[in-house]
Structure formats: C-alpha cells, structure tokens
Amino acid sequence: MEHLIREDRGVLVISLTGDVDLESSPRARTVLLECVGQNRTVFVDMSAIAYIDSSGVASLVEAFQSARKGGNRFALVAVSEVALRVLQLARLDRIFPIHASLNDAFADDA
C-alpha cells in the first residue's frame, strides 16, 4: 500500500493505492488516525485500491469513529469497485459517507 496526503480547499485528502491488507493496514491506520487527529475534515480517496480486507476496513471504521467523536467530517471518495464490494458485503456502505468524486464530496461539504 502506498499513500499520499495532500490539502485541497482546507481538507486533508488521503489517497490510498494498492492493497490494504493485514500487512499494510497498521500503516493505513496510523496515517488515517494522524490525519483525523488534526481535527479537520478528511476525505479518503479509494480509487486506486486493488484489494482491501477486514483489517483495512477496521482501520477505516476506527478513523471514521474517531472523526465523529471529534465532530469532524470523514468521507470516502471514488471508492474502487473492489473496495465498494467489500464495504457493501459488510453493509458499511450505509454507514460511511461515500462520494463518487472529490468534487461531489466538496459540493456536499459546502
């Protein structure tokens, strides 16, 4: 898994690439929680995720819960088909705010 963090319009955008699995999910968790810990809106760009397992999903859930506790917005953006299937199987697509694109997420943020 690779990640890139950038700021766009005051929002932290985390782009995750590759596999988010048992080996890489601790790093994903750390990155997600550090960004959420800055008390800012966080969008996670999941367009380049090739594979995600339950440990990767658990990292997303923990970051989402932490953001909510802090009163901050956390959303998934451009979720790859593979990752979306996993979220749907776990019925988490009903829990996470999911946007088709960054522009859609920003429009909803306005």
N, C-alpha and C. Protein backbone atom coordinates (compact mmCIF):
# COMPACT_ATOMS: atom_id res chain seq x y z
N MET A 1 0.83 -1.18 0.00
CA MET A 1 0.00 0.00 0.00
C MET A 1 0.88 1.25 0.00
N GLU A 2 0.52 2.17 -0.81
CA GLU A 2 1.15 3.48 -0.81
C GLU A 2 0.08 4.49 -0.40
N HIS A 3 0.53 5.62 0.12
CA HIS A 3 -0.42 6.68 0.45
C HIS A 3 0.18 8.05 0.13
N LEU A 4 -0.70 8.97 -0.13
CA LEU A 4 -0.31 10.35 -0.38
C LEU A 4 -1.31 11.22 0.38
N ILE A 5 -0.79 12.19 1.12
CA ILE A 5 -1.65 13.11 1.85
C ILE A 5 -1.45 14.49 1.25
N ARG A 6 -2.55 15.13 0.90
CA ARG A 6 -2.46 16.49 0.38
C ARG A 6 -3.61 17.30 0.96
N GLU A 7 -3.44 18.61 0.90
CA GLU A 7 -4.50 19.51 1.34
C GLU A 7 -5.16 20.09 0.10
N ASP A 8 -6.47 20.08 0.10
CA ASP A 8 -7.24 20.63 -1.01
C ASP A 8 -8.42 21.38 -0.42
N ARG A 9 -8.44 22.69 -0.60
CA ARG A 9 -9.52 23.54 -0.10
C ARG A 9 -9.74 23.38 1.40
N GLY A 10 -8.64 23.22 2.12
CA GLY A 10 -8.71 23.12 3.58
C GLY A 10 -9.02 21.74 4.10
N VAL A 11 -9.16 20.78 3.21
CA VAL A 11 -9.49 19.40 3.58
C VAL A 11 -8.25 18.53 3.38
N LEU A 12 -8.02 17.60 4.30
CA LEU A 12 -6.95 16.63 4.11
C LEU A 12 -7.50 15.50 3.24
N VAL A 13 -6.81 15.25 2.13
CA VAL A 13 -7.20 14.17 1.22
C VAL A 13 -6.11 13.11 1.28
N ILE A 14 -6.51 11.92 1.70
CA ILE A 14 -5.58 10.79 1.78
C ILE A 14 -5.89 9.88 0.60
N SER A 15 -4.92 9.70 -0.27
CA SER A 15 -5.08 8.77 -1.39
C SER A 15 -4.36 7.47 -1.05
N LEU A 16 -5.12 6.39 -1.04
CA LEU A 16 -4.55 5.08 -0.77
C LEU A 16 -4.44 4.31 -2.08
N THR A 17 -3.34 3.61 -2.27
CA THR A 17 -3.08 2.88 -3.51
C THR A 17 -2.62 1.47 -3.20
N GLY A 18 -3.13 0.52 -3.97
CA GLY A 18 -2.68 -0.87 -3.84
C GLY A 18 -3.55 -1.67 -2.91
N ASP A 19 -2.92 -2.58 -2.17
CA ASP A 19 -3.62 -3.49 -1.26
C ASP A 19 -3.60 -2.95 0.16
N VAL A 20 -4.76 -2.92 0.79
CA VAL A 20 -4.86 -2.56 2.20
C VAL A 20 -5.26 -3.85 2.91
N ASP A 21 -4.23 -4.55 3.39
CA ASP A 21 -4.44 -5.88 3.95
C ASP A 21 -3.76 -5.99 5.32
N LEU A 22 -3.70 -7.20 5.83
CA LEU A 22 -3.14 -7.41 7.16
C LEU A 22 -1.73 -6.84 7.29
N GLU A 23 -0.95 -6.91 6.24
CA GLU A 23 0.42 -6.40 6.27
C GLU A 23 0.47 -4.87 6.29
N SER A 24 -0.39 -4.23 5.50
CA SER A 24 -0.32 -2.77 5.36
C SER A 24 -1.33 -2.00 6.20
N SER A 25 -2.33 -2.68 6.74
CA SER A 25 -3.37 -1.94 7.48
C SER A 25 -2.85 -1.21 8.72
N PRO A 26 -1.82 -1.71 9.44
CA PRO A 26 -1.32 -0.90 10.56
C PRO A 26 -0.81 0.47 10.09
N ARG A 27 -0.14 0.50 8.94
CA ARG A 27 0.34 1.78 8.40
C ARG A 27 -0.85 2.65 7.97
N ALA A 28 -1.85 2.03 7.34
CA ALA A 28 -3.04 2.78 6.93
C ALA A 28 -3.73 3.36 8.16
N ARG A 29 -3.84 2.56 9.21
CA ARG A 29 -4.49 3.01 10.45
C ARG A 29 -3.76 4.23 11.02
N THR A 30 -2.44 4.15 11.08
CA THR A 30 -1.64 5.25 11.61
C THR A 30 -1.85 6.52 10.79
N VAL A 31 -1.80 6.41 9.48
CA VAL A 31 -1.98 7.57 8.60
C VAL A 31 -3.37 8.16 8.79
N LEU A 32 -4.39 7.31 8.79
CA LEU A 32 -5.76 7.79 8.94
C LEU A 32 -5.97 8.49 10.28
N LEU A 33 -5.52 7.86 11.35
CA LEU A 33 -5.73 8.44 12.68
C LEU A 33 -4.92 9.72 12.89
N GLU A 34 -3.72 9.79 12.32
CA GLU A 34 -2.94 11.03 12.43
C GLU A 34 -3.67 12.18 11.73
N CYS A 35 -4.23 11.91 10.57
CA CYS A 35 -4.95 12.97 9.85
C CYS A 35 -6.23 13.37 10.59
N VAL A 36 -6.97 12.37 11.06
CA VAL A 36 -8.19 12.66 11.81
C VAL A 36 -7.85 13.43 13.08
N GLY A 37 -6.71 13.12 13.68
CA GLY A 37 -6.29 13.78 14.91
C GLY A 37 -5.98 15.26 14.75
N GLN A 38 -5.90 15.73 13.51
CA GLN A 38 -5.66 17.15 13.27
C GLN A 38 -6.95 17.96 13.34
N ASN A 39 -8.05 17.31 13.68
CA ASN A 39 -9.35 17.98 13.84
C ASN A 39 -9.76 18.75 12.59
N ARG A 40 -9.65 18.06 11.46
CA ARG A 40 -10.05 18.66 10.17
C ARG A 40 -10.88 17.64 9.40
N THR A 41 -11.54 18.12 8.40
CA THR A 41 -12.25 17.22 7.50
C THR A 41 -11.24 16.35 6.77
N VAL A 42 -11.55 15.06 6.66
CA VAL A 42 -10.68 14.10 5.97
C VAL A 42 -11.49 13.37 4.91
N PHE A 43 -10.99 13.38 3.69
CA PHE A 43 -11.56 12.59 2.60
C PHE A 43 -10.53 11.52 2.25
N VAL A 44 -11.00 10.29 2.10
CA VAL A 44 -10.11 9.19 1.74
C VAL A 44 -10.41 8.79 0.30
N ASP A 45 -9.47 9.06 -0.58
CA ASP A 45 -9.60 8.70 -1.99
C ASP A 45 -9.22 7.23 -2.13
N MET A 46 -10.21 6.41 -2.49
CA MET A 46 -10.00 4.97 -2.57
C MET A 46 -10.05 4.46 -4.01
N SER A 47 -9.85 5.35 -4.96
CA SER A 47 -9.97 4.98 -6.37
C SER A 47 -8.91 3.99 -6.83
N ALA A 48 -7.76 3.96 -6.16
CA ALA A 48 -6.66 3.09 -6.60
C ALA A 48 -6.44 1.90 -5.68
N ILE A 49 -7.43 1.57 -4.87
CA ILE A 49 -7.30 0.39 -4.01
C ILE A 49 -7.63 -0.84 -4.84
N ALA A 50 -6.67 -1.77 -4.88
CA ALA A 50 -6.85 -3.00 -5.65
C ALA A 50 -7.47 -4.11 -4.79
N TYR A 51 -7.25 -4.03 -3.48
CA TYR A 51 -7.72 -5.07 -2.57
C TYR A 51 -7.80 -4.47 -1.18
N ILE A 52 -8.85 -4.83 -0.44
CA ILE A 52 -8.96 -4.43 0.97
C ILE A 52 -9.58 -5.59 1.73
N ASP A 53 -8.99 -5.90 2.88
CA ASP A 53 -9.54 -6.98 3.70
C ASP A 53 -10.15 -6.40 4.98
N SER A 54 -10.56 -7.27 5.87
CA SER A 54 -11.25 -6.81 7.08
C SER A 54 -10.36 -5.93 7.96
N SER A 55 -9.06 -6.16 7.95
CA SER A 55 -8.18 -5.30 8.76
C SER A 55 -8.12 -3.89 8.18
N GLY A 56 -8.15 -3.77 6.86
CA GLY A 56 -8.20 -2.45 6.22
C GLY A 56 -9.50 -1.75 6.50
N VAL A 57 -10.59 -2.51 6.44
CA VAL A 57 -11.91 -1.94 6.74
C VAL A 57 -11.96 -1.48 8.19
N ALA A 58 -11.38 -2.27 9.10
CA ALA A 58 -11.35 -1.90 10.52
C ALA A 58 -10.61 -0.58 10.73
N SER A 59 -9.55 -0.35 9.97
CA SER A 59 -8.81 0.92 10.07
C SER A 59 -9.68 2.09 9.64
N LEU A 60 -10.46 1.90 8.58
CA LEU A 60 -11.38 2.95 8.12
C LEU A 60 -12.46 3.22 9.17
N VAL A 61 -13.00 2.15 9.74
CA VAL A 61 -14.06 2.31 10.75
C VAL A 61 -13.52 3.06 11.96
N GLU A 62 -12.33 2.70 12.42
CA GLU A 62 -11.75 3.38 13.59
C GLU A 62 -11.52 4.86 13.31
N ALA A 63 -11.03 5.18 12.14
CA ALA A 63 -10.81 6.59 11.79
C ALA A 63 -12.13 7.34 11.69
N PHE A 64 -13.13 6.71 11.10
CA PHE A 64 -14.46 7.32 10.98
C PHE A 64 -15.04 7.61 12.37
N GLN A 65 -14.96 6.64 13.27
CA GLN A 65 -15.48 6.83 14.63
C GLN A 65 -14.71 7.93 15.36
N SER A 66 -13.41 7.97 15.19
CA SER A 66 -12.60 8.99 15.83
C SER A 66 -12.97 10.39 15.31
N ALA A 67 -13.17 10.49 14.01
CA ALA A 67 -13.57 11.78 13.42
C ALA A 67 -14.92 12.22 13.98
N ARG A 68 -15.85 11.30 14.04
CA ARG A 68 -17.19 11.64 14.56
C ARG A 68 -17.12 12.10 16.01
N LYS A 69 -16.31 11.41 16.82
CA LYS A 69 -16.14 11.81 18.22
C LYS A 69 -15.62 13.23 18.31
N GLY A 70 -14.72 13.59 17.39
CA GLY A 70 -14.14 14.93 17.40
C GLY A 70 -14.99 15.96 16.69
N GLY A 71 -16.14 15.53 16.17
CA GLY A 71 -17.04 16.46 15.48
C GLY A 71 -16.55 16.85 14.10
N ASN A 72 -15.74 15.99 13.49
CA ASN A 72 -15.19 16.30 12.17
C ASN A 72 -15.76 15.37 11.11
N ARG A 73 -15.73 15.87 9.90
CA ARG A 73 -16.26 15.11 8.77
C ARG A 73 -15.20 14.15 8.24
N PHE A 74 -15.66 12.95 7.87
CA PHE A 74 -14.81 11.90 7.32
C PHE A 74 -15.62 11.23 6.23
N ALA A 75 -15.08 11.18 5.02
CA ALA A 75 -15.83 10.58 3.91
C ALA A 75 -14.90 9.80 3.01
N LEU A 76 -15.48 8.80 2.36
CA LEU A 76 -14.77 8.01 1.36
C LEU A 76 -15.12 8.56 -0.01
N VAL A 77 -14.13 8.60 -0.89
CA VAL A 77 -14.30 9.23 -2.20
C VAL A 77 -13.80 8.29 -3.30
N ALA A 78 -14.55 8.24 -4.39
CA ALA A 78 -14.14 7.48 -5.59
C ALA A 78 -13.72 6.06 -5.22
N VAL A 79 -14.55 5.38 -4.47
CA VAL A 79 -14.22 4.04 -3.98
C VAL A 79 -14.16 3.07 -5.16
N SER A 80 -13.06 2.34 -5.25
CA SER A 80 -12.89 1.36 -6.33
C SER A 80 -13.98 0.30 -6.23
N GLU A 81 -14.26 -0.33 -7.34
CA GLU A 81 -15.31 -1.36 -7.38
C GLU A 81 -15.01 -2.50 -6.40
N VAL A 82 -13.76 -2.90 -6.33
CA VAL A 82 -13.34 -3.98 -5.42
C VAL A 82 -13.60 -3.58 -3.97
N ALA A 83 -13.18 -2.40 -3.60
CA ALA A 83 -13.36 -1.94 -2.22
C ALA A 83 -14.84 -1.73 -1.90
N LEU A 84 -15.59 -1.22 -2.86
CA LEU A 84 -17.02 -0.98 -2.64
C LEU A 84 -17.74 -2.30 -2.37
N ARG A 85 -17.37 -3.35 -3.10
CA ARG A 85 -18.00 -4.66 -2.86
C ARG A 85 -17.77 -5.13 -1.42
N VAL A 86 -16.58 -4.93 -0.93
CA VAL A 86 -16.28 -5.33 0.46
C VAL A 86 -17.11 -4.51 1.43
N LEU A 87 -17.19 -3.21 1.22
CA LEU A 87 -17.99 -2.35 2.09
C LEU A 87 -19.46 -2.72 2.02
N GLN A 88 -19.95 -3.06 0.84
CA GLN A 88 -21.35 -3.46 0.70
C GLN A 88 -21.63 -4.78 1.42
N LEU A 89 -20.71 -5.74 1.30
CA LEU A 89 -20.90 -7.03 2.00
C LEU A 89 -21.01 -6.84 3.51
N ALA A 90 -20.24 -5.90 4.02
CA ALA A 90 -20.27 -5.60 5.46
C ALA A 90 -21.36 -4.58 5.80
N ARG A 91 -22.09 -4.14 4.79
CA ARG A 91 -23.16 -3.12 4.93
C ARG A 91 -22.63 -1.78 5.45
N LEU A 92 -21.35 -1.57 5.27
CA LEU A 92 -20.75 -0.31 5.70
C LEU A 92 -20.98 0.80 4.69
N ASP A 93 -21.42 0.46 3.49
CA ASP A 93 -21.77 1.50 2.52
C ASP A 93 -22.97 2.31 3.01
N ARG A 94 -23.66 1.80 4.02
CA ARG A 94 -24.80 2.52 4.61
C ARG A 94 -24.36 3.40 5.78
N ILE A 95 -23.13 3.17 6.24
CA ILE A 95 -22.60 3.91 7.39
C ILE A 95 -21.68 5.04 6.95
N PHE A 96 -20.72 4.70 6.09
CA PHE A 96 -19.76 5.71 5.62
C PHE A 96 -20.43 6.67 4.63
N PRO A 97 -20.12 7.96 4.74
CA PRO A 97 -20.46 8.86 3.63
C PRO A 97 -19.55 8.50 2.45
N ILE A 98 -20.14 8.17 1.31
CA ILE A 98 -19.37 7.78 0.13
C ILE A 98 -19.77 8.70 -1.02
N HIS A 99 -18.75 9.29 -1.67
CA HIS A 99 -18.97 10.20 -2.79
C HIS A 99 -18.29 9.66 -4.03
N ALA A 100 -18.91 9.88 -5.17
CA ALA A 100 -18.38 9.37 -6.44
C ALA A 100 -17.07 10.05 -6.83
N SER A 101 -16.89 11.30 -6.40
CA SER A 101 -15.69 12.05 -6.77
C SER A 101 -15.37 13.07 -5.68
N LEU A 102 -14.15 13.62 -5.75
CA LEU A 102 -13.78 14.69 -4.83
C LEU A 102 -14.70 15.89 -5.00
N ASN A 103 -15.02 16.22 -6.24
CA ASN A 103 -15.91 17.37 -6.48
C ASN A 103 -17.25 17.17 -5.79
N ASP A 104 -17.79 15.94 -5.85
CA ASP A 104 -19.05 15.66 -5.18
C ASP A 104 -18.90 15.83 -3.66
N ALA A 105 -17.80 15.36 -3.13
CA ALA A 105 -17.56 15.48 -1.69
C ALA A 105 -17.46 16.95 -1.27
N PHE A 106 -16.75 17.74 -2.06
CA PHE A 106 -16.64 19.17 -1.76
C PHE A 106 -17.97 19.87 -1.89
N ALA A 107 -18.77 19.49 -2.87
CA ALA A 107 -20.09 20.10 -3.05
C ALA A 107 -20.98 19.81 -1.86
N ASP A 108 -20.86 18.60 -1.33
CA ASP A 108 -21.65 18.21 -0.15
C ASP A 108 -21.15 18.91 1.10
N ASP A 109 -19.88 19.30 1.10
CA ASP A 109 -19.25 19.96 2.23
C ASP A 109 -19.63 21.43 2.32
N ALA A 110 -20.08 21.99 1.21
CA ALA A 110 -20.36 23.44 1.14
C ALA A 110 -21.60 23.81 1.92
